[in-house]
C-alpha atoms as a PDB file:
ATOM      1  CA  UNK A   1      85.393  46.163  49.945  1.00  0.00           C
ATOM      2  CA  UNK A   2      84.851  48.839  52.556  1.00  0.00           C
ATOM      3  CA  UNK A   3      87.488  49.524  55.186  1.00  0.00           C
ATOM      4  CA  UNK A   4      85.388  48.212  58.080  1.00  0.00           C
ATOM      5  CA  UNK A   5      84.324  44.988  56.356  1.00  0.00           C
ATOM      6  CA  UNK A   6      87.319  43.125  57.759  1.00  0.00           C
ATOM      7  CA  UNK A   7      86.348  44.146  61.281  1.00  0.00           C
ATOM      8  CA  UNK A   8      82.788  42.927  60.654  1.00  0.00           C
ATOM      9  CA  UNK A   9      84.080  39.508  59.595  1.00  0.00           C
ATOM     10  CA  UNK A  10      86.749  39.037  62.271  1.00  0.00           C
ATOM     11  CA  UNK A  11      85.311  36.431  64.592  1.00  0.00           C
ATOM     12  CA  UNK A  12      83.183  33.310  64.844  1.00  0.00           C
ATOM     13  CA  UNK A  13      79.894  32.746  63.027  1.00  0.00           C
ATOM     14  CA  UNK A  14      77.585  29.737  63.192  1.00  0.00           C
ATOM     15  CA  UNK A  15      76.204  28.569  59.848  1.00  0.00           C
ATOM     16  CA  UNK A  16      72.754  28.814  61.400  1.00  0.00           C
ATOM     17  CA  UNK A  17      70.271  25.966  61.256  1.00  0.00           C
ATOM     18  CA  UNK A  18      66.736  26.359  59.967  1.00  0.00           C
ATOM     19  CA  UNK A  19      64.377  24.990  62.610  1.00  0.00           C
ATOM     20  CA  UNK A  20      61.282  23.117  61.433  1.00  0.00           C
ATOM     21  CA  UNK A  21      58.227  22.019  63.394  1.00  0.00           C
ATOM     22  CA  UNK A  22      56.743  18.504  63.341  1.00  0.00           C
ATOM     23  CA  UNK A  23      54.996  19.328  60.039  1.00  0.00           C
ATOM     24  CA  UNK A  24      58.243  20.538  58.465  1.00  0.00           C
ATOM     25  CA  UNK A  25      57.079  24.140  58.492  1.00  0.00           C
ATOM     26  CA  UNK A  26      59.718  26.734  59.397  1.00  0.00           C
ATOM     27  CA  UNK A  27      59.533  27.444  63.150  1.00  0.00           C
ATOM     28  CA  UNK A  28      60.370  31.160  63.031  1.00  0.00           C
ATOM     29  CA  UNK A  29      59.709  31.549  66.760  1.00  0.00           C
ATOM     30  CA  UNK A  30      62.299  28.925  67.627  1.00  0.00           C
ATOM     31  CA  UNK A  31      64.845  30.504  65.299  1.00  0.00           C
ATOM     32  CA  UNK A  32      64.241  33.765  67.172  1.00  0.00           C
ATOM     33  CA  UNK A  33      64.828  32.036  70.518  1.00  0.00           C
ATOM     34  CA  UNK A  34      68.133  30.645  69.249  1.00  0.00           C
ATOM     35  CA  UNK A  35      69.200  34.128  68.141  1.00  0.00           C
ATOM     36  CA  UNK A  36      68.330  35.620  71.525  1.00  0.00           C
ATOM     37  CA  UNK A  37      70.489  33.019  73.255  1.00  0.00           C
ATOM     38  CA  UNK A  38      73.345  33.484  70.783  1.00  0.00           C
ATOM     39  CA  UNK A  39      73.181  37.233  71.394  1.00  0.00           C
ATOM     40  CA  UNK A  40      74.517  36.554  74.900  1.00  0.00           C
ATOM     41  CA  UNK A  41      77.689  34.954  73.517  1.00  0.00           C
ATOM     42  CA  UNK A  42      80.769  36.468  71.879  1.00  0.00           C
ATOM     43  CA  UNK A  43      79.741  35.283  68.417  1.00  0.00           C
ATOM     44  CA  UNK A  44      80.587  37.941  65.858  1.00  0.00           C
ATOM     45  CA  UNK A  45      77.372  37.341  63.983  1.00  0.00           C
ATOM     46  CA  UNK A  46      75.246  34.861  62.100  1.00  0.00           C
ATOM     47  CA  UNK A  47      75.159  33.113  58.732  1.00  0.00           C
ATOM     48  CA  UNK A  48      71.690  31.746  57.917  1.00  0.00           C
ATOM     49  CA  UNK A  49      70.647  30.182  54.602  1.00  0.00           C
ATOM     50  CA  UNK A  50      73.844  28.229  54.127  1.00  0.00           C
ATOM     51  CA  UNK A  51      74.348  24.485  53.733  1.00  0.00           C
ATOM     52  CA  UNK A  52      73.644  23.795  57.408  1.00  0.00           C
ATOM     53  CA  UNK A  53      70.584  26.009  57.037  1.00  0.00           C
ATOM     54  CA  UNK A  54      69.264  23.625  54.346  1.00  0.00           C
ATOM     55  CA  UNK A  55      68.805  26.567  51.983  1.00  0.00           C
ATOM     56  CA  UNK A  56      68.215  24.269  49.029  1.00  0.00           C
ATOM     57  CA  UNK A  57      65.149  22.917  50.851  1.00  0.00           C
ATOM     58  CA  UNK A  58      63.589  26.355  51.391  1.00  0.00           C
ATOM     59  CA  UNK A  59      61.383  28.496  49.192  1.00  0.00           C
ATOM     60  CA  UNK A  60      62.536  32.022  48.459  1.00  0.00           C
ATOM     61  CA  UNK A  61      59.600  33.280  50.514  1.00  0.00           C
ATOM     62  CA  UNK A  62      60.696  31.251  53.529  1.00  0.00           C
ATOM     63  CA  UNK A  63      64.261  32.453  53.088  1.00  0.00           C
ATOM     64  CA  UNK A  64      63.196  36.099  53.071  1.00  0.00           C
ATOM     65  CA  UNK A  65      61.129  35.594  56.237  1.00  0.00           C
ATOM     66  CA  UNK A  66      64.103  33.951  57.959  1.00  0.00           C
ATOM     67  CA  UNK A  67      66.277  36.964  57.164  1.00  0.00           C
ATOM     68  CA  UNK A  68      63.561  39.203  58.596  1.00  0.00           C
ATOM     69  CA  UNK A  69      63.718  37.227  61.856  1.00  0.00           C
ATOM     70  CA  UNK A  70      67.482  37.836  62.058  1.00  0.00           C
ATOM     71  CA  UNK A  71      67.002  41.527  61.347  1.00  0.00           C
ATOM     72  CA  UNK A  72      64.486  41.780  64.190  1.00  0.00           C
ATOM     73  CA  UNK A  73      66.229  39.696  66.859  1.00  0.00           C
ATOM     74  CA  UNK A  74      69.994  40.007  66.371  1.00  0.00           C
ATOM     75  CA  UNK A  75      71.793  42.399  68.676  1.00  0.00           C
ATOM     76  CA  UNK A  76      73.129  45.615  67.246  1.00  0.00           C
ATOM     77  CA  UNK A  77      76.713  45.057  66.207  1.00  0.00           C
ATOM     78  CA  UNK A  78      76.247  41.414  65.202  1.00  0.00           C
ATOM     79  CA  UNK A  79      77.156  40.881  61.548  1.00  0.00           C
ATOM     80  CA  UNK A  80      74.635  39.160  59.268  1.00  0.00           C
ATOM     81  CA  UNK A  81      75.893  37.052  56.360  1.00  0.00           C
ATOM     82  CA  UNK A  82      73.169  35.534  54.177  1.00  0.00           C
ATOM     83  CA  UNK A  83      73.526  32.564  51.857  1.00  0.00           C
ATOM     84  CA  UNK A  84      72.179  33.550  48.438  1.00  0.00           C
ATOM     85  CA  UNK A  85      73.689  31.267  45.769  1.00  0.00           C
ATOM     86  CA  UNK A  86      71.486  30.303  42.821  1.00  0.00           C
ATOM     87  CA  UNK A  87      72.226  28.596  39.515  1.00  0.00           C
ATOM     88  CA  UNK A  88      72.427  31.813  37.499  1.00  0.00           C
ATOM     89  CA  UNK A  89      73.858  35.247  38.113  1.00  0.00           C
ATOM     90  CA  UNK A  90      70.523  36.875  37.221  1.00  0.00           C
ATOM     91  CA  UNK A  91      68.466  34.970  39.820  1.00  0.00           C
ATOM     92  CA  UNK A  92      71.178  35.356  42.459  1.00  0.00           C
ATOM     93  CA  UNK A  93      71.229  39.131  41.954  1.00  0.00           C
ATOM     94  CA  UNK A  94      67.434  39.262  42.137  1.00  0.00           C
ATOM     95  CA  UNK A  95      67.422  37.396  45.445  1.00  0.00           C
ATOM     96  CA  UNK A  96      70.165  39.574  46.934  1.00  0.00           C
ATOM     97  CA  UNK A  97      68.110  42.644  46.064  1.00  0.00           C
ATOM     98  CA  UNK A  98      65.083  41.126  47.862  1.00  0.00           C
ATOM     99  CA  UNK A  99      66.976  40.898  51.146  1.00  0.00           C
ATOM    100  CA  UNK A 100      69.528  43.714  50.880  1.00  0.00           C
ATOM    101  CA  UNK A 101      67.418  46.156  52.885  1.00  0.00           C
ATOM    102  CA  UNK A 102      66.798  43.670  55.703  1.00  0.00           C
ATOM    103  CA  UNK A 103      70.010  44.226  57.617  1.00  0.00           C
ATOM    104  CA  UNK A 104      72.204  41.932  55.534  1.00  0.00           C
ATOM    105  CA  UNK A 105      75.886  42.901  55.708  1.00  0.00           C
ATOM    106  CA  UNK A 106      77.265  40.312  53.269  1.00  0.00           C
ATOM    107  CA  UNK A 107      75.895  37.812  50.744  1.00  0.00           C
ATOM    108  CA  UNK A 108      77.789  34.522  50.514  1.00  0.00           C
ATOM    109  CA  UNK A 109      77.526  32.611  47.264  1.00  0.00           C
ATOM    110  CA  UNK A 110      78.010  28.905  46.632  1.00  0.00           C
ATOM    111  CA  UNK A 111      79.043  28.493  42.983  1.00  0.00           C
ATOM    112  CA  UNK A 112      76.519  27.119  40.478  1.00  0.00           C
ATOM    113  CA  UNK A 113      77.173  23.432  39.932  1.00  0.00           C
ATOM    114  CA  UNK A 114      74.349  21.845  37.925  1.00  0.00           C
ATOM    115  CA  UNK A 115      76.551  22.231  34.842  1.00  0.00           C
ATOM    116  CA  UNK A 116      79.703  21.632  36.867  1.00  0.00           C
ATOM    117  CA  UNK A 117      81.660  20.398  33.867  1.00  0.00           C
ATOM    118  CA  UNK A 118      81.367  23.848  32.314  1.00  0.00           C
ATOM    119  CA  UNK A 119      82.217  25.814  35.442  1.00  0.00           C
ATOM    120  CA  UNK A 120      85.702  26.823  34.326  1.00  0.00           C
ATOM    121  CA  UNK A 121      87.612  29.665  35.941  1.00  0.00           C
ATOM    122  CA  UNK A 122      86.415  31.902  33.099  1.00  0.00           C
ATOM    123  CA  UNK A 123      82.776  30.987  33.748  1.00  0.00           C
ATOM    124  CA  UNK A 124      83.107  31.489  37.505  1.00  0.00           C
ATOM    125  CA  UNK A 125      84.961  34.767  36.972  1.00  0.00           C
ATOM    126  CA  UNK A 126      82.080  36.017  34.851  1.00  0.00           C
ATOM    127  CA  UNK A 127      79.482  34.758  37.359  1.00  0.00           C
ATOM    128  CA  UNK A 128      81.006  36.330  40.475  1.00  0.00           C
ATOM    129  CA  UNK A 129      82.005  39.544  38.716  1.00  0.00           C
ATOM    130  CA  UNK A 130      78.496  40.088  37.342  1.00  0.00           C
ATOM    131  CA  UNK A 131      76.946  39.549  40.785  1.00  0.00           C
ATOM    132  CA  UNK A 132      79.505  41.734  42.564  1.00  0.00           C
ATOM    133  CA  UNK A 133      79.030  44.505  40.018  1.00  0.00           C
ATOM    134  CA  UNK A 134      75.282  44.643  40.675  1.00  0.00           C
ATOM    135  CA  UNK A 135      74.928  43.562  44.291  1.00  0.00           C
ATOM    136  CA  UNK A 136      73.912  46.304  46.738  1.00  0.00           C
ATOM    137  CA  UNK A 137      75.861  44.511  49.502  1.00  0.00           C
ATOM    138  CA  UNK A 138      79.397  43.065  49.497  1.00  0.00           C
ATOM    139  CA  UNK A 139      79.557  39.445  48.374  1.00  0.00           C
ATOM    140  CA  UNK A 140      81.634  36.510  49.553  1.00  0.00           C
ATOM    141  CA  UNK A 141      82.702  33.351  47.763  1.00  0.00           C
ATOM    142  CA  UNK A 142      81.763  30.020  49.324  1.00  0.00           C
ATOM    143  CA  UNK A 143      84.276  27.254  48.571  1.00  0.00           C
ATOM    144  CA  UNK A 144      82.472  24.028  49.534  1.00  0.00           C
ATOM    145  CA  UNK A 145      83.159  21.222  47.038  1.00  0.00           C
ATOM    146  CA  UNK A 146      81.072  18.633  48.914  1.00  0.00           C
ATOM    147  CA  UNK A 147      78.002  20.826  48.366  1.00  0.00           C
ATOM    148  CA  UNK A 148      78.915  21.840  44.806  1.00  0.00           C
ATOM    149  CA  UNK A 149      79.467  18.562  42.925  1.00  0.00           C
ATOM    150  CA  UNK A 150      83.186  18.654  43.739  1.00  0.00           C
ATOM    151  CA  UNK A 151      83.797  22.137  42.336  1.00  0.00           C
ATOM    152  CA  UNK A 152      86.853  23.639  44.061  1.00  0.00           C
ATOM    153  CA  UNK A 153      88.049  27.193  43.586  1.00  0.00           C
ATOM    154  CA  UNK A 154      91.509  27.625  42.124  1.00  0.00           C
ATOM    155  CA  UNK A 155      94.059  29.948  43.692  1.00  0.00           C
ATOM    156  CA  UNK A 156      94.216  31.930  40.445  1.00  0.00           C
ATOM    157  CA  UNK A 157      90.442  32.509  40.520  1.00  0.00           C
ATOM    158  CA  UNK A 158      90.658  33.812  44.075  1.00  0.00           C
ATOM    159  CA  UNK A 159      93.643  35.977  43.227  1.00  0.00           C
ATOM    160  CA  UNK A 160      91.769  37.791  40.458  1.00  0.00           C
ATOM    161  CA  UNK A 161      88.407  38.131  42.214  1.00  0.00           C
ATOM    162  CA  UNK A 162      90.066  39.320  45.441  1.00  0.00           C
ATOM    163  CA  UNK A 163      90.783  42.598  43.694  1.00  0.00           C
ATOM    164  CA  UNK A 164      87.100  43.326  43.039  1.00  0.00           C
ATOM    165  CA  UNK A 165      85.971  46.170  45.324  1.00  0.00           C
ATOM    166  CA  UNK A 166      82.644  44.476  46.140  1.00  0.00           C
ATOM    167  CA  UNK A 167      83.973  40.978  46.863  1.00  0.00           C
ATOM    168  CA  UNK A 168      84.809  40.866  50.548  1.00  0.00           C
ATOM    169  CA  UNK A 169      86.307  37.407  50.921  1.00  0.00           C
ATOM    170  CA  UNK A 170      85.872  33.663  50.945  1.00  0.00           C
ATOM    171  CA  UNK A 171      84.574  30.978  53.268  1.00  0.00           C
ATOM    172  CA  UNK A 172      86.758  27.901  52.710  1.00  0.00           C
ATOM    173  CA  UNK A 173      85.133  24.557  53.518  1.00  0.00           C
ATOM    174  CA  UNK A 174      87.250  22.572  51.069  1.00  0.00           C
ATOM    175  CA  UNK A 175      89.869  19.926  51.785  1.00  0.00           C
ATOM    176  CA  UNK A 176      92.545  22.200  50.324  1.00  0.00           C
ATOM    177  CA  UNK A 177      95.135  23.762  52.599  1.00  0.00           C
ATOM    178  CA  UNK A 178      93.669  27.122  53.583  1.00  0.00           C
ATOM    179  CA  UNK A 179      97.081  28.711  53.039  1.00  0.00           C
ATOM    180  CA  UNK A 180      96.536  28.310  49.288  1.00  0.00           C
ATOM    181  CA  UNK A 181      93.783  30.914  49.413  1.00  0.00           C
ATOM    182  CA  UNK A 182      95.435  33.149  51.994  1.00  0.00           C
ATOM    183  CA  UNK A 183      98.583  33.302  49.866  1.00  0.00           C
ATOM    184  CA  UNK A 184      96.537  33.938  46.720  1.00  0.00           C
ATOM    185  CA  UNK A 185      95.245  37.276  47.997  1.00  0.00           C
ATOM    186  CA  UNK A 186      97.191  40.075  46.287  1.00  0.00           C
ATOM    187  CA  UNK A 187      99.195  42.351  48.538  1.00  0.00           C
ATOM    188  CA  UNK A 188      97.111  45.304  49.623  1.00  0.00           C
ATOM    189  CA  UNK A 189      93.760  43.667  48.788  1.00  0.00           C
ATOM    190  CA  UNK A 190      91.170  43.902  51.566  1.00  0.00           C
ATOM    191  CA  UNK A 191      89.931  40.357  51.003  1.00  0.00           C
ATOM    192  CA  UNK A 192      89.110  38.175  54.021  1.00  0.00           C
ATOM    193  CA  UNK A 193      89.695  34.450  54.221  1.00  0.00           C
ATOM    194  CA  UNK A 194      87.480  32.596  56.702  1.00  0.00           C
ATOM    195  CA  UNK A 195      87.792  28.973  57.773  1.00  0.00           C
ATOM    196  CA  UNK A 196      84.679  26.931  57.091  1.00  0.00           C
ATOM    197  CA  UNK A 197      85.460  24.016  59.408  1.00  0.00           C
ATOM    198  CA  UNK A 198      86.799  23.579  62.927  1.00  0.00           C
ATOM    199  CA  UNK A 199      89.556  21.393  61.434  1.00  0.00           C
ATOM    200  CA  UNK A 200      91.212  24.346  59.722  1.00  0.00           C
ATOM    201  CA  UNK A 201      90.078  27.130  62.053  1.00  0.00           C
ATOM    202  CA  UNK A 202      93.113  27.555  64.334  1.00  0.00           C
ATOM    203  CA  UNK A 203      95.680  26.866  61.623  1.00  0.00           C
ATOM    204  CA  UNK A 204      93.873  29.353  59.406  1.00  0.00           C
ATOM    205  CA  UNK A 205      93.964  32.025  62.095  1.00  0.00           C
ATOM    206  CA  UNK A 206      97.676  31.476  62.519  1.00  0.00           C
ATOM    207  CA  UNK A 207      98.192  31.982  58.780  1.00  0.00           C
ATOM    208  CA  UNK A 208      96.054  35.089  58.445  1.00  0.00           C
ATOM    209  CA  UNK A 209      92.410  34.060  58.299  1.00  0.00           C
ATOM    210  CA  UNK A 210      90.171  36.577  60.074  1.00  0.00           C
ATOM    211  CA  UNK A 211      87.634  34.148  61.544  1.00  0.00           C
ATOM    212  CA  UNK A 212      85.509  31.112  60.912  1.00  0.00           C
ATOM    213  CA  UNK A 213      82.019  29.941  60.019  1.00  0.00           C
ATOM    214  CA  UNK A 214      81.862  26.786  62.113  1.00  0.00           C
ATOM    215  CA  UNK A 215      79.142  24.147  62.512  1.00  0.00           C
ATOM    216  CA  UNK A 216      80.345  23.573  66.059  1.00  0.00           C
ATOM    217  CA  UNK A 217      79.476  27.184  66.878  1.00  0.00           C
ATOM    218  CA  UNK A 218      75.801  26.243  66.563  1.00  0.00           C
ATOM    219  CA  UNK A 219      75.983  24.178  69.753  1.00  0.00           C
ATOM    220  CA  UNK A 220      79.267  25.197  71.433  1.00  0.00           C
ATOM    221  CA  UNK A 221      79.669  28.871  70.507  1.00  0.00           C
ATOM    222  CA  UNK A 222      81.642  29.831  73.602  1.00  0.00           C
ATOM    223  CA  UNK A 223      84.294  27.188  72.939  1.00  0.00           C
ATOM    224  CA  UNK A 224      84.794  28.362  69.372  1.00  0.00           C
ATOM    225  CA  UNK A 225      85.007  32.010  70.407  1.00  0.00           C
ATOM    226  CA  UNK A 226      87.443  31.122  73.173  1.00  0.00           C
ATOM    227  CA  UNK A 227      89.762  29.452  70.662  1.00  0.00           C
ATOM    228  CA  UNK A 228      90.025  32.608  68.559  1.00  0.00           C
ATOM    229  CA  UNK A 229      90.429  34.725  71.684  1.00  0.00           C
ATOM    230  CA  UNK A 230      93.374  32.592  72.839  1.00  0.00           C
ATOM    231  CA  UNK A 231      94.997  32.829  69.419  1.00  0.00           C
ATOM    232  CA  UNK A 232      94.570  36.580  69.183  1.00  0.00           C
ATOM    233  CA  UNK A 233      96.021  37.181  72.648  1.00  0.00           C
ATOM    234  CA  UNK A 234      99.068  35.043  71.896  1.00  0.00           C
ATOM    235  CA  UNK A 235      98.195  32.240  74.335  1.00  0.00           C
ATOM    236  CA  UNK A 236      99.204  29.615  71.824  1.00  0.00           C
ATOM    237  CA  UNK A 237      99.854  26.762  74.239  1.00  0.00           C
ATOM    238  CA  UNK A 238      96.284  26.893  75.510  1.00  0.00           C
ATOM    239  CA  UNK A 239      94.989  27.562  72.006  1.00  0.00           C
ATOM    240  CA  UNK A 240      96.695  24.457  70.629  1.00  0.00           C
ATOM    241  CA  UNK A 241      95.226  22.349  73.420  1.00  0.00           C
ATOM    242  CA  UNK A 242      91.736  23.682  72.801  1.00  0.00           C
ATOM    243  CA  UNK A 243      92.143  23.277  69.052  1.00  0.00           C
ATOM    244  CA  UNK A 244      93.047  19.600  69.435  1.00  0.00           C
ATOM    245  CA  UNK A 245      90.180  19.072  71.852  1.00  0.00           C
ATOM    246  CA  UNK A 246      87.616  20.808  69.635  1.00  0.00           C
ATOM    247  CA  UNK A 247      88.678  18.917  66.522  1.00  0.00           C
ATOM    248  CA  UNK A 248      88.580  15.599  68.348  1.00  0.00           C
ATOM    249  CA  UNK A 249      85.198  16.386  69.843  1.00  0.00           C
ATOM    250  CA  UNK A 250      83.755  17.360  66.476  1.00  0.00           C
ATOM    251  CA  UNK A 251      85.033  14.180  64.868  1.00  0.00           C
ATOM    252  CA  UNK A 252      83.694  11.955  67.644  1.00  0.00           C
ATOM    253  CA  UNK A 253      80.382  13.721  68.168  1.00  0.00           C
ATOM    254  CA  UNK A 254      78.101  15.775  65.903  1.00  0.00           C
ATOM    255  CA  UNK A 255      80.616  16.067  63.083  1.00  0.00           C
ATOM    256  CA  UNK A 256      79.979  12.431  62.179  1.00  0.00           C
ATOM    257  CA  UNK A 257      76.324  13.001  61.401  1.00  0.00           C
ATOM    258  CA  UNK A 258      76.119  16.152  59.272  1.00  0.00           C
ATOM    259  CA  UNK A 259      73.161  18.502  59.566  1.00  0.00           C
ATOM    260  CA  UNK A 260      71.094  16.008  61.555  1.00  0.00           C
ATOM    261  CA  UNK A 261      73.930  15.593  64.066  1.00  0.00           C
ATOM    262  CA  UNK A 262      74.399  19.330  64.572  1.00  0.00           C
ATOM    263  CA  UNK A 263      70.663  19.725  65.119  1.00  0.00           C
ATOM    264  CA  UNK A 264      70.622  16.883  67.639  1.00  0.00           C
ATOM    265  CA  UNK A 265      73.580  18.390  69.520  1.00  0.00           C
ATOM    266  CA  UNK A 266      71.748  21.713  69.651  1.00  0.00           C
ATOM    267  CA  UNK A 267      68.700  20.013  71.159  1.00  0.00           C
ATOM    268  CA  UNK A 268      70.853  18.339  73.802  1.00  0.00           C
ATOM    269  CA  UNK A 269      72.608  21.590  74.708  1.00  0.00           C
ATOM    270  CA  UNK A 270      69.517  23.728  75.106  1.00  0.00           C
ATOM    271  CA  UNK A 271      69.066  25.206  71.633  1.00  0.00           C
ATOM    272  CA  UNK A 272      66.353  24.446  69.098  1.00  0.00           C
ATOM    273  CA  UNK A 273      67.608  22.058  66.436  1.00  0.00           C
ATOM    274  CA  UNK A 274      64.823  19.676  65.532  1.00  0.00           C
ATOM    275  CA  UNK A 275      64.827  17.414  62.517  1.00  0.00           C
ATOM    276  CA  UNK A 276      66.008  18.211  58.982  1.00  0.00           C
ATOM    277  CA  UNK A 277      63.464  18.699  56.205  1.00  0.00           C
ATOM    278  CA  UNK A 278      62.712  15.685  53.999  1.00  0.00           C
ATOM    279  CA  UNK A 279      64.659  14.074  52.308  1.00  0.00           C
ATOM    280  CA  UNK A 280      67.454  14.386  54.896  1.00  0.00           C
ATOM    281  CA  UNK A 281      66.900  11.754  57.572  1.00  0.00           C
ATOM    282  CA  UNK A 282      66.839  12.666  61.255  1.00  0.00           C
ATOM    283  CA  UNK A 283      69.340  11.045  63.588  1.00  0.00           C
ATOM    284  CA  UNK A 284      68.408   7.524  64.637  1.00  0.00           C
ATOM    285  CA  UNK A 285      67.699   6.771  68.278  1.00  0.00           C
ATOM    286  CA  UNK A 286      70.965   4.846  68.526  1.00  0.00           C
ATOM    287  CA  UNK A 287      72.982   7.712  67.040  1.00  0.00           C
ATOM    288  CA  UNK A 288      71.317  10.211  69.383  1.00  0.00           C
ATOM    289  CA  UNK A 289      72.209   8.019  72.342  1.00  0.00           C
ATOM    290  CA  UNK A 290      75.837   7.839  71.199  1.00  0.00           C
ATOM    291  CA  UNK A 291      75.974  11.605  70.743  1.00  0.00           C
ATOM    292  CA  UNK A 292      74.482  12.195  74.171  1.00  0.00           C
ATOM    293  CA  UNK A 293      76.938   9.768  75.767  1.00  0.00           C
ATOM    294  CA  UNK A 294      79.874  11.559  74.126  1.00  0.00           C
ATOM    295  CA  UNK A 295      78.722  14.971  75.329  1.00  0.00           C
ATOM    296  CA  UNK A 296      78.109  13.610  78.828  1.00  0.00           C
ATOM    297  CA  UNK A 297      81.561  12.005  78.903  1.00  0.00           C
ATOM    298  CA  UNK A 298      83.089  15.388  78.057  1.00  0.00           C
ATOM    299  CA  UNK A 299      81.118  17.066  80.841  1.00  0.00           C
ATOM    300  CA  UNK A 300      79.169  19.235  78.407  1.00  0.00           C
ATOM    301  CA  UNK A 301      75.701  18.127  79.551  1.00  0.00           C
END
């Protein structure tokens, strides 16, 4: 990991949504408009092609074009993390090499899970080490059991891989206490732990996480950035209040509805969200009305 990688990752990132038109084609122009609006916020950067970006529903060609849109429209200084995980090290490396020259700063990798019963620590060690050895950009581990057939990284796996010079860190979206992974990082290793949910964002920052990749940042980026700003400046009373508010809001609003809910919240708050790609169902009319009522009650509309 390079010395300035930690600085590049210190802040808030939205796991960016892929916008589709009414025919379920990727609406690259609307993605660009979202980026231009996000550029005016304090977001540290962007993470397209993740779970919220429905990367499993995209072709490789579409994914490459999406990265090209981020390269063209993101402001200078905004970090770009691309989701790249595939079911083999070979195909993952090939895809990273396709996008490495398109402004990508980091490649984040969900573990392979089709053969989840065989994904032991030894297998995952071999997988991530092979990719990191050959990747032209630093890689990050993506710990998201709900998107990986329940596969959860062990602390010992993180401890060993944290020493690899081309593995920059981990995004933790598990139900484990984030301190497990923070404490697993060997002393002196330049390995960044990032919270993957608003629920563990503030507590993670307090324990040593450098930032977060937060669904809420897709539709309320300023609030998420403000929370980290309060923590970093030592205004913990206000930070705790905002943390409680943000977690409650997420639970009562878009957080209940997954990708479709985040997209609907974006539409309500002036971004382009649209509907998910089949087979994920869009939000029902009743659910949209409930979401709108919640946001109105909080004075956000």
